[in-house]
Amino acid sequence: MIVSLYDTLMTIRPSPVVALSRAIAIAQHEGAERGLAEIAAIEQAERLADYPFYFAALGELEHQRGNGEAAREHFLHASARARNPLERDFFERRAQEVDE
């Protein structure tokens, strides 16, 4: 249901952020591998280069796959792009948690 809503939004107002949200919804339903594939297929993904939640999504999905090293790196990238101290603290905490 949620994915179909994102599909509709992509036809009305497509953007890399909407595509990322759609990929996350797919990952929640179909698993991390599928979510990562959807993220890799995002058109104009370079526009997400400064978006911390792009890297946070990658970090969460890599963590779900059991790839702690990649997850940690993505969370550190997210932290470097955080827009405020609360976001930065959250991403840094997630980076530490995947190491545990």
PDB file of N, CA and C in Angstrom:
ATOM      1  N   MET A   1       0.826  -1.199   0.000  1.00  0.00           N
ATOM      2  CA  MET A   1       0.000   0.000   0.000  1.00  0.00           C
ATOM      3  C   MET A   1       0.867   1.258   0.000  1.00  0.00           C
ATOM      4  N   ILE A   2       1.840   1.321   0.910  1.00  0.00           N
ATOM      5  CA  ILE A   2       2.682   2.514   0.988  1.00  0.00           C
ATOM      6  C   ILE A   2       3.498   2.675  -0.289  1.00  0.00           C
ATOM      7  N   VAL A   3       4.020   1.575  -0.804  1.00  0.00           N
ATOM      8  CA  VAL A   3       4.811   1.648  -2.038  1.00  0.00           C
ATOM      9  C   VAL A   3       3.957   2.192  -3.175  1.00  0.00           C
ATOM     10  N   SER A   4       2.713   1.771  -3.257  1.00  0.00           N
ATOM     11  CA  SER A   4       1.851   2.276  -4.338  1.00  0.00           C
ATOM     12  C   SER A   4       1.591   3.773  -4.176  1.00  0.00           C
ATOM     13  N   LEU A   5       1.535   4.252  -2.952  1.00  0.00           N
ATOM     14  CA  LEU A   5       1.389   5.698  -2.738  1.00  0.00           C
ATOM     15  C   LEU A   5       2.644   6.438  -3.206  1.00  0.00           C
ATOM     16  N   TYR A   6       3.800   5.871  -2.915  1.00  0.00           N
ATOM     17  CA  TYR A   6       5.036   6.476  -3.422  1.00  0.00           C
ATOM     18  C   TYR A   6       5.098   6.405  -4.942  1.00  0.00           C
ATOM     19  N   ASP A   7       4.601   5.331  -5.518  1.00  0.00           N
ATOM     20  CA  ASP A   7       4.538   5.237  -6.984  1.00  0.00           C
ATOM     21  C   ASP A   7       3.706   6.379  -7.555  1.00  0.00           C
ATOM     22  N   THR A   8       2.582   6.646  -6.923  1.00  0.00           N
ATOM     23  CA  THR A   8       1.718   7.749  -7.365  1.00  0.00           C
ATOM     24  C   THR A   8       2.439   9.075  -7.214  1.00  0.00           C
ATOM     25  N   LEU A   9       3.088   9.264  -6.076  1.00  0.00           N
ATOM     26  CA  LEU A   9       3.828  10.504  -5.850  1.00  0.00           C
ATOM     27  C   LEU A   9       4.950  10.666  -6.882  1.00  0.00           C
ATOM     28  N   MET A  10       5.580   9.565  -7.255  1.00  0.00           N
ATOM     29  CA  MET A  10       6.631   9.639  -8.274  1.00  0.00           C
ATOM     30  C   MET A  10       6.081  10.082  -9.627  1.00  0.00           C
ATOM     31  N   THR A  11       4.831   9.777  -9.919  1.00  0.00           N
ATOM     32  CA  THR A  11       4.254  10.229 -11.191  1.00  0.00           C
ATOM     33  C   THR A  11       3.837  11.698 -11.111  1.00  0.00           C
ATOM     34  N   ILE A  12       3.433  12.134  -9.913  1.00  0.00           N
ATOM     35  CA  ILE A  12       2.980  13.516  -9.736  1.00  0.00           C
ATOM     36  C   ILE A  12       4.148  14.478  -9.550  1.00  0.00           C
ATOM     37  N   ARG A  13       5.079  14.094  -8.677  1.00  0.00           N
ATOM     38  CA  ARG A  13       6.198  14.967  -8.337  1.00  0.00           C
ATOM     39  C   ARG A  13       7.449  14.126  -8.086  1.00  0.00           C
ATOM     40  N   PRO A  14       8.036  13.620  -9.146  1.00  0.00           N
ATOM     41  CA  PRO A  14       9.213  12.759  -8.974  1.00  0.00           C
ATOM     42  C   PRO A  14      10.408  13.545  -8.444  1.00  0.00           C
ATOM     43  N   SER A  15      11.166  12.892  -7.586  1.00  0.00           N
ATOM     44  CA  SER A  15      12.396  13.479  -7.072  1.00  0.00           C
ATOM     45  C   SER A  15      13.239  12.353  -6.484  1.00  0.00           C
ATOM     46  N   PRO A  16      14.524  12.576  -6.344  1.00  0.00           N
ATOM     47  CA  PRO A  16      15.368  11.573  -5.716  1.00  0.00           C
ATOM     48  C   PRO A  16      14.961  11.279  -4.258  1.00  0.00           C
ATOM     49  N   VAL A  17      14.458  12.273  -3.544  1.00  0.00           N
ATOM     50  CA  VAL A  17      14.042  12.054  -2.156  1.00  0.00           C
ATOM     51  C   VAL A  17      12.808  11.160  -2.109  1.00  0.00           C
ATOM     52  N   VAL A  18      11.864  11.378  -3.000  1.00  0.00           N
ATOM     53  CA  VAL A  18      10.683  10.510  -3.067  1.00  0.00           C
ATOM     54  C   VAL A  18      11.115   9.097  -3.458  1.00  0.00           C
ATOM     55  N   ALA A  19      12.037   8.991  -4.404  1.00  0.00           N
ATOM     56  CA  ALA A  19      12.533   7.669  -4.816  1.00  0.00           C
ATOM     57  C   ALA A  19      13.230   6.963  -3.656  1.00  0.00           C
ATOM     58  N   LEU A  20      13.966   7.716  -2.841  1.00  0.00           N
ATOM     59  CA  LEU A  20      14.617   7.141  -1.671  1.00  0.00           C
ATOM     60  C   LEU A  20      13.582   6.638  -0.675  1.00  0.00           C
ATOM     61  N   SER A  21      12.574   7.425  -0.419  1.00  0.00           N
ATOM     62  CA  SER A  21      11.506   7.013   0.500  1.00  0.00           C
ATOM     63  C   SER A  21      10.797   5.769  -0.017  1.00  0.00           C
ATOM     64  N   ARG A  22      10.585   5.718  -1.313  1.00  0.00           N
ATOM     65  CA  ARG A  22       9.970   4.538  -1.937  1.00  0.00           C
ATOM     66  C   ARG A  22      10.866   3.314  -1.741  1.00  0.00           C
ATOM     67  N   ALA A  23      12.160   3.482  -1.943  1.00  0.00           N
ATOM     68  CA  ALA A  23      13.109   2.373  -1.774  1.00  0.00           C
ATOM     69  C   ALA A  23      13.108   1.864  -0.332  1.00  0.00           C
ATOM     70  N   ILE A  24      13.007   2.766   0.619  1.00  0.00           N
ATOM     71  CA  ILE A  24      12.952   2.371   2.029  1.00  0.00           C
ATOM     72  C   ILE A  24      11.682   1.570   2.303  1.00  0.00           C
ATOM     73  N   ALA A  25      10.570   2.020   1.740  1.00  0.00           N
ATOM     74  CA  ALA A  25       9.306   1.286   1.912  1.00  0.00           C
ATOM     75  C   ALA A  25       9.409  -0.110   1.301  1.00  0.00           C
ATOM     76  N   ILE A  26      10.033  -0.206   0.146  1.00  0.00           N
ATOM     77  CA  ILE A  26      10.223  -1.513  -0.483  1.00  0.00           C
ATOM     78  C   ILE A  26      11.101  -2.396   0.397  1.00  0.00           C
ATOM     79  N   ALA A  27      12.162  -1.829   0.950  1.00  0.00           N
ATOM     80  CA  ALA A  27      13.060  -2.594   1.825  1.00  0.00           C
ATOM     81  C   ALA A  27      12.324  -3.125   3.045  1.00  0.00           C
ATOM     82  N   GLN A  28      11.431  -2.332   3.587  1.00  0.00           N
ATOM     83  CA  GLN A  28      10.677  -2.783   4.764  1.00  0.00           C
ATOM     84  C   GLN A  28       9.778  -3.964   4.411  1.00  0.00           C
ATOM     85  N   HIS A  29       9.342  -4.021   3.187  1.00  0.00           N
ATOM     86  CA  HIS A  29       8.437  -5.085   2.755  1.00  0.00           C
ATOM     87  C   HIS A  29       9.184  -6.283   2.173  1.00  0.00           C
ATOM     88  N   GLU A  30      10.249  -6.008   1.408  1.00  0.00           N
ATOM     89  CA  GLU A  30      10.914  -7.075   0.658  1.00  0.00           C
ATOM     90  C   GLU A  30      12.343  -7.365   1.090  1.00  0.00           C
ATOM     91  N   GLY A  31      12.881  -6.597   2.017  1.00  0.00           N
ATOM     92  CA  GLY A  31      14.213  -6.870   2.528  1.00  0.00           C
ATOM     93  C   GLY A  31      15.276  -5.884   2.073  1.00  0.00           C
ATOM     94  N   ALA A  32      16.382  -5.935   2.784  1.00  0.00           N
ATOM     95  CA  ALA A  32      17.477  -4.990   2.576  1.00  0.00           C
ATOM     96  C   ALA A  32      18.078  -5.069   1.176  1.00  0.00           C
ATOM     97  N   GLU A  33      18.265  -6.280   0.667  1.00  0.00           N
ATOM     98  CA  GLU A  33      18.859  -6.429  -0.668  1.00  0.00           C
ATOM     99  C   GLU A  33      18.044  -5.695  -1.724  1.00  0.00           C
ATOM    100  N   ARG A  34      16.742  -5.885  -1.664  1.00  0.00           N
ATOM    101  CA  ARG A  34      15.866  -5.226  -2.648  1.00  0.00           C
ATOM    102  C   ARG A  34      15.884  -3.715  -2.455  1.00  0.00           C
ATOM    103  N   GLY A  35      15.888  -3.264  -1.199  1.00  0.00           N
ATOM    104  CA  GLY A  35      15.953  -1.833  -0.931  1.00  0.00           C
ATOM    105  C   GLY A  35      17.232  -1.204  -1.467  1.00  0.00           C
ATOM    106  N   LEU A  36      18.357  -1.886  -1.269  1.00  0.00           N
ATOM    107  CA  LEU A  36      19.628  -1.379  -1.791  1.00  0.00           C
ATOM    108  C   LEU A  36      19.619  -1.332  -3.314  1.00  0.00           C
ATOM    109  N   ALA A  37      19.009  -2.315  -3.944  1.00  0.00           N
ATOM    110  CA  ALA A  37      18.903  -2.306  -5.404  1.00  0.00           C
ATOM    111  C   ALA A  37      18.064  -1.120  -5.876  1.00  0.00           C
ATOM    112  N   GLU A  38      16.990  -0.843  -5.166  1.00  0.00           N
ATOM    113  CA  GLU A  38      16.145   0.300  -5.529  1.00  0.00           C
ATOM    114  C   GLU A  38      16.897   1.617  -5.336  1.00  0.00           C
ATOM    115  N   ILE A  39      17.673   1.720  -4.267  1.00  0.00           N
ATOM    116  CA  ILE A  39      18.460   2.936  -4.044  1.00  0.00           C
ATOM    117  C   ILE A  39      19.489   3.094  -5.156  1.00  0.00           C
ATOM    118  N   ALA A  40      20.133   2.008  -5.542  1.00  0.00           N
ATOM    119  CA  ALA A  40      21.128   2.064  -6.614  1.00  0.00           C
ATOM    120  C   ALA A  40      20.521   2.508  -7.940  1.00  0.00           C
ATOM    121  N   ALA A  41      19.229   2.294  -8.103  1.00  0.00           N
ATOM    122  CA  ALA A  41      18.559   2.636  -9.363  1.00  0.00           C
ATOM    123  C   ALA A  41      17.970   4.047  -9.375  1.00  0.00           C
ATOM    124  N   ILE A  42      18.147   4.789  -8.315  1.00  0.00           N
ATOM    125  CA  ILE A  42      17.571   6.140  -8.257  1.00  0.00           C
ATOM    126  C   ILE A  42      18.215   7.034  -9.304  1.00  0.00           C
ATOM    127  N   GLU A  43      17.380   7.631 -10.138  1.00  0.00           N
ATOM    128  CA  GLU A  43      17.864   8.581 -11.131  1.00  0.00           C
ATOM    129  C   GLU A  43      18.257   9.872 -10.427  1.00  0.00           C
ATOM    130  N   GLN A  44      19.292  10.479 -10.887  1.00  0.00           N
ATOM    131  CA  GLN A  44      19.820  11.721 -10.328  1.00  0.00           C
ATOM    132  C   GLN A  44      20.208  11.553  -8.849  1.00  0.00           C
ATOM    133  N   ALA A  45      20.721  10.375  -8.506  1.00  0.00           N
ATOM    134  CA  ALA A  45      21.119  10.106  -7.121  1.00  0.00           C
ATOM    135  C   ALA A  45      22.200  11.078  -6.641  1.00  0.00           C
ATOM    136  N   GLU A  46      22.947  11.656  -7.562  1.00  0.00           N
ATOM    137  CA  GLU A  46      23.973  12.623  -7.163  1.00  0.00           C
ATOM    138  C   GLU A  46      23.370  13.817  -6.421  1.00  0.00           C
ATOM    139  N   ARG A  47      22.085  14.065  -6.644  1.00  0.00           N
ATOM    140  CA  ARG A  47      21.413  15.151  -5.920  1.00  0.00           C
ATOM    141  C   ARG A  47      21.241  14.824  -4.439  1.00  0.00           C
ATOM    142  N   LEU A  48      21.453  13.567  -4.066  1.00  0.00           N
ATOM    143  CA  LEU A  48      21.335  13.150  -2.663  1.00  0.00           C
ATOM    144  C   LEU A  48      22.679  13.183  -1.936  1.00  0.00           C
ATOM    145  N   ALA A  49      23.720  13.651  -2.600  1.00  0.00           N
ATOM    146  CA  ALA A  49      25.080  13.609  -2.045  1.00  0.00           C
ATOM    147  C   ALA A  49      25.223  14.366  -0.732  1.00  0.00           C
ATOM    148  N   ASP A  50      24.400  15.362  -0.495  1.00  0.00           N
ATOM    149  CA  ASP A  50      24.464  16.130   0.754  1.00  0.00           C
ATOM    150  C   ASP A  50      23.278  15.855   1.671  1.00  0.00           C
ATOM    151  N   TYR A  51      22.490  14.872   1.333  1.00  0.00           N
ATOM    152  CA  TYR A  51      21.278  14.544   2.103  1.00  0.00           C
ATOM    153  C   TYR A  51      21.633  13.456   3.120  1.00  0.00           C
ATOM    154  N   PRO A  52      21.641  13.787   4.405  1.00  0.00           N
ATOM    155  CA  PRO A  52      22.108  12.810   5.400  1.00  0.00           C
ATOM    156  C   PRO A  52      21.276  11.536   5.445  1.00  0.00           C
ATOM    157  N   PHE A  53      20.000  11.631   5.125  1.00  0.00           N
ATOM    158  CA  PHE A  53      19.141  10.457   5.238  1.00  0.00           C
ATOM    159  C   PHE A  53      19.363   9.452   4.100  1.00  0.00           C
ATOM    160  N   TYR A  54      19.993   9.887   3.027  1.00  0.00           N
ATOM    161  CA  TYR A  54      20.418   8.959   1.980  1.00  0.00           C
ATOM    162  C   TYR A  54      21.445   7.993   2.567  1.00  0.00           C
ATOM    163  N   PHE A  55      22.440   8.549   3.236  1.00  0.00           N
ATOM    164  CA  PHE A  55      23.486   7.725   3.829  1.00  0.00           C
ATOM    165  C   PHE A  55      22.972   6.937   5.023  1.00  0.00           C
ATOM    166  N   ALA A  56      22.041   7.512   5.772  1.00  0.00           N
ATOM    167  CA  ALA A  56      21.448   6.788   6.900  1.00  0.00           C
ATOM    168  C   ALA A  56      20.665   5.577   6.402  1.00  0.00           C
ATOM    169  N   ALA A  57      19.939   5.743   5.304  1.00  0.00           N
ATOM    170  CA  ALA A  57      19.191   4.610   4.735  1.00  0.00           C
ATOM    171  C   ALA A  57      20.153   3.512   4.289  1.00  0.00           C
ATOM    172  N   LEU A  58      21.225   3.901   3.615  1.00  0.00           N
ATOM    173  CA  LEU A  58      22.223   2.919   3.212  1.00  0.00           C
ATOM    174  C   LEU A  58      22.809   2.216   4.433  1.00  0.00           C
ATOM    175  N   GLY A  59      23.079   2.992   5.477  1.00  0.00           N
ATOM    176  CA  GLY A  59      23.623   2.415   6.703  1.00  0.00           C
ATOM    177  C   GLY A  59      22.684   1.410   7.338  1.00  0.00           C
ATOM    178  N   GLU A  60      21.423   1.752   7.427  1.00  0.00           N
ATOM    179  CA  GLU A  60      20.452   0.834   8.027  1.00  0.00           C
ATOM    180  C   GLU A  60      20.330  -0.458   7.216  1.00  0.00           C
ATOM    181  N   LEU A  61      20.289  -0.327   5.904  1.00  0.00           N
ATOM    182  CA  LEU A  61      20.132  -1.517   5.068  1.00  0.00           C
ATOM    183  C   LEU A  61      21.387  -2.390   5.095  1.00  0.00           C
ATOM    184  N   GLU A  62      22.552  -1.767   5.094  1.00  0.00           N
ATOM    185  CA  GLU A  62      23.784  -2.554   5.204  1.00  0.00           C
ATOM    186  C   GLU A  62      23.859  -3.240   6.571  1.00  0.00           C
ATOM    187  N   HIS A  63      23.404  -2.560   7.595  1.00  0.00           N
ATOM    188  CA  HIS A  63      23.367  -3.169   8.929  1.00  0.00           C
ATOM    189  C   HIS A  63      22.439  -4.381   8.935  1.00  0.00           C
ATOM    190  N   GLN A  64      21.287  -4.254   8.305  1.00  0.00           N
ATOM    191  CA  GLN A  64      20.362  -5.386   8.217  1.00  0.00           C
ATOM    192  C   GLN A  64      20.985  -6.555   7.474  1.00  0.00           C
ATOM    193  N   ARG A  65      21.819  -6.272   6.506  1.00  0.00           N
ATOM    194  CA  ARG A  65      22.505  -7.326   5.754  1.00  0.00           C
ATOM    195  C   ARG A  65      23.663  -7.936   6.528  1.00  0.00           C
ATOM    196  N   GLY A  66      24.004  -7.324   7.659  1.00  0.00           N
ATOM    197  CA  GLY A  66      25.119  -7.824   8.452  1.00  0.00           C
ATOM    198  C   GLY A  66      26.463  -7.265   8.046  1.00  0.00           C
ATOM    199  N   ASN A  67      26.449  -6.215   7.255  1.00  0.00           N
ATOM    200  CA  ASN A  67      27.681  -5.588   6.793  1.00  0.00           C
ATOM    201  C   ASN A  67      27.980  -4.375   7.672  1.00  0.00           C
ATOM    202  N   GLY A  68      28.507  -4.643   8.863  1.00  0.00           N
ATOM    203  CA  GLY A  68      28.747  -3.588   9.846  1.00  0.00           C
ATOM    204  C   GLY A  68      29.708  -2.517   9.404  1.00  0.00           C
ATOM    205  N   GLU A  69      30.765  -2.920   8.707  1.00  0.00           N
ATOM    206  CA  GLU A  69      31.762  -1.938   8.272  1.00  0.00           C
ATOM    207  C   GLU A  69      31.156  -0.923   7.309  1.00  0.00           C
ATOM    208  N   ALA A  70      30.419  -1.402   6.315  1.00  0.00           N
ATOM    209  CA  ALA A  70      29.776  -0.490   5.362  1.00  0.00           C
ATOM    210  C   ALA A  70      28.724   0.360   6.065  1.00  0.00           C
ATOM    211  N   ALA A  71      27.970  -0.252   6.981  1.00  0.00           N
ATOM    212  CA  ALA A  71      26.948   0.491   7.722  1.00  0.00           C
ATOM    213  C   ALA A  71      27.583   1.635   8.503  1.00  0.00           C
ATOM    214  N   ARG A  72      28.667   1.317   9.192  1.00  0.00           N
ATOM    215  CA  ARG A  72      29.352   2.340   9.992  1.00  0.00           C
ATOM    216  C   ARG A  72      29.803   3.499   9.108  1.00  0.00           C
ATOM    217  N   GLU A  73      30.399   3.199   7.964  1.00  0.00           N
ATOM    218  CA  GLU A  73      30.867   4.255   7.057  1.00  0.00           C
ATOM    219  C   GLU A  73      29.707   5.127   6.575  1.00  0.00           C
ATOM    220  N   HIS A  74      28.598   4.510   6.237  1.00  0.00           N
ATOM    221  CA  HIS A  74      27.432   5.285   5.783  1.00  0.00           C
ATOM    222  C   HIS A  74      26.907   6.187   6.900  1.00  0.00           C
ATOM    223  N   PHE A  75      26.853   5.669   8.124  1.00  0.00           N
ATOM    224  CA  PHE A  75      26.390   6.509   9.227  1.00  0.00           C
ATOM    225  C   PHE A  75      27.346   7.666   9.493  1.00  0.00           C
ATOM    226  N   LEU A  76      28.640   7.436   9.333  1.00  0.00           N
ATOM    227  CA  LEU A  76      29.600   8.530   9.501  1.00  0.00           C
ATOM    228  C   LEU A  76      29.435   9.570   8.393  1.00  0.00           C
ATOM    229  N   HIS A  77      29.143   9.112   7.171  1.00  0.00           N
ATOM    230  CA  HIS A  77      28.843  10.062   6.085  1.00  0.00           C
ATOM    231  C   HIS A  77      27.584  10.860   6.416  1.00  0.00           C
ATOM    232  N   ALA A  78      26.580  10.190   6.950  1.00  0.00           N
ATOM    233  CA  ALA A  78      25.352  10.884   7.342  1.00  0.00           C
ATOM    234  C   ALA A  78      25.650  11.915   8.415  1.00  0.00           C
ATOM    235  N   SER A  79      26.467  11.541   9.391  1.00  0.00           N
ATOM    236  CA  SER A  79      26.825  12.456  10.475  1.00  0.00           C
ATOM    237  C   SER A  79      27.522  13.701   9.947  1.00  0.00           C
ATOM    238  N   ALA A  80      28.407  13.518   8.982  1.00  0.00           N
ATOM    239  CA  ALA A  80      29.136  14.649   8.404  1.00  0.00           C
ATOM    240  C   ALA A  80      28.207  15.607   7.658  1.00  0.00           C
ATOM    241  N   ARG A  81      27.052  15.123   7.261  1.00  0.00           N
ATOM    242  CA  ARG A  81      26.096  15.940   6.517  1.00  0.00           C
ATOM    243  C   ARG A  81      24.894  16.359   7.367  1.00  0.00           C
ATOM    244  N   ALA A  82      24.923  16.018   8.633  1.00  0.00           N
ATOM    245  CA  ALA A  82      23.798  16.338   9.523  1.00  0.00           C
ATOM    246  C   ALA A  82      23.536  17.835   9.526  1.00  0.00           C
ATOM    247  N   ARG A  83      22.270  18.168   9.688  1.00  0.00           N
ATOM    248  CA  ARG A  83      21.858  19.569   9.634  1.00  0.00           C
ATOM    249  C   ARG A  83      21.760  20.222  11.004  1.00  0.00           C
ATOM    250  N   ASN A  84      21.908  19.404  12.050  1.00  0.00           N
ATOM    251  CA  ASN A  84      21.871  19.955  13.401  1.00  0.00           C
ATOM    252  C   ASN A  84      22.534  18.964  14.361  1.00  0.00           C
ATOM    253  N   PRO A  85      22.833  19.404  15.573  1.00  0.00           N
ATOM    254  CA  PRO A  85      23.533  18.526  16.525  1.00  0.00           C
ATOM    255  C   PRO A  85      22.757  17.260  16.891  1.00  0.00           C
ATOM    256  N   LEU A  86      21.443  17.313  16.943  1.00  0.00           N
ATOM    257  CA  LEU A  86      20.662  16.118  17.272  1.00  0.00           C
ATOM    258  C   LEU A  86      20.803  15.043  16.200  1.00  0.00           C
ATOM    259  N   GLU A  87      20.727  15.453  14.953  1.00  0.00           N
ATOM    260  CA  GLU A  87      20.932  14.496  13.870  1.00  0.00           C
ATOM    261  C   GLU A  87      22.340  13.915  13.947  1.00  0.00           C
ATOM    262  N   ARG A  88      23.330  14.794  14.133  1.00  0.00           N
ATOM    263  CA  ARG A  88      24.716  14.337  14.188  1.00  0.00           C
ATOM    264  C   ARG A  88      24.913  13.305  15.299  1.00  0.00           C
ATOM    265  N   ASP A  89      24.373  13.606  16.477  1.00  0.00           N
ATOM    266  CA  ASP A  89      24.489  12.664  17.602  1.00  0.00           C
ATOM    267  C   ASP A  89      23.823  11.334  17.278  1.00  0.00           C
ATOM    268  N   PHE A  90      22.660  11.380  16.659  1.00  0.00           N
ATOM    269  CA  PHE A  90      21.953  10.147  16.321  1.00  0.00           C
ATOM    270  C   PHE A  90      22.775   9.297  15.353  1.00  0.00           C
ATOM    271  N   PHE A  91      23.291   9.918  14.295  1.00  0.00           N
ATOM    272  CA  PHE A  91      24.059   9.168  13.300  1.00  0.00           C
ATOM    273  C   PHE A  91      25.358   8.621  13.895  1.00  0.00           C
ATOM    274  N   GLU A  92      26.003   9.399  14.746  1.00  0.00           N
ATOM    275  CA  GLU A  92      27.228   8.926  15.391  1.00  0.00           C
ATOM    276  C   GLU A  92      26.929   7.751  16.324  1.00  0.00           C
ATOM    277  N   ARG A  93      25.819   7.828  17.011  1.00  0.00           N
ATOM    278  CA  ARG A  93      25.406   6.721  17.894  1.00  0.00           C
ATOM    279  C   ARG A  93      25.125   5.461  17.081  1.00  0.00           C
ATOM    280  N   ARG A  94      24.459   5.611  15.943  1.00  0.00           N
ATOM    281  CA  ARG A  94      24.190   4.450  15.077  1.00  0.00           C
ATOM    282  C   ARG A  94      25.500   3.855  14.555  1.00  0.00           C
ATOM    283  N   ALA A  95      26.453   4.700  14.226  1.00  0.00           N
ATOM    284  CA  ALA A  95      27.764   4.217  13.762  1.00  0.00           C
ATOM    285  C   ALA A  95      28.428   3.377  14.844  1.00  0.00           C
ATOM    286  N   GLN A  96      28.314   3.793  16.086  1.00  0.00           N
ATOM    287  CA  GLN A  96      28.906   3.043  17.195  1.00  0.00           C
ATOM    288  C   GLN A  96      28.136   1.741  17.439  1.00  0.00           C
ATOM    289  N   GLU A  97      26.831   1.793  17.321  1.00  0.00           N
ATOM    290  CA  GLU A  97      26.004   0.616  17.600  1.00  0.00           C
ATOM    291  C   GLU A  97      26.265  -0.523  16.624  1.00  0.00           C
ATOM    292  N   VAL A  98      26.534  -0.212  15.373  1.00  0.00           N
ATOM    293  CA  VAL A  98      26.755  -1.300  14.417  1.00  0.00           C
ATOM    294  C   VAL A  98      28.074  -2.008  14.679  1.00  0.00           C
ATOM    295  N   ASP A  99      28.967  -1.365  15.411  1.00  0.00           N
ATOM    296  CA  ASP A  99      30.235  -1.989  15.778  1.00  0.00           C
ATOM    297  C   ASP A  99      30.084  -2.944  16.948  1.00  0.00           C
ATOM    298  N   GLU A 100      28.992  -2.832  17.675  1.00  0.00           N
ATOM    299  CA  GLU A 100      28.803  -3.654  18.882  1.00  0.00           C
ATOM    300  C   GLU A 100      28.309  -5.049  18.562  1.00  0.00           C
TER     301      GLU A 100
END
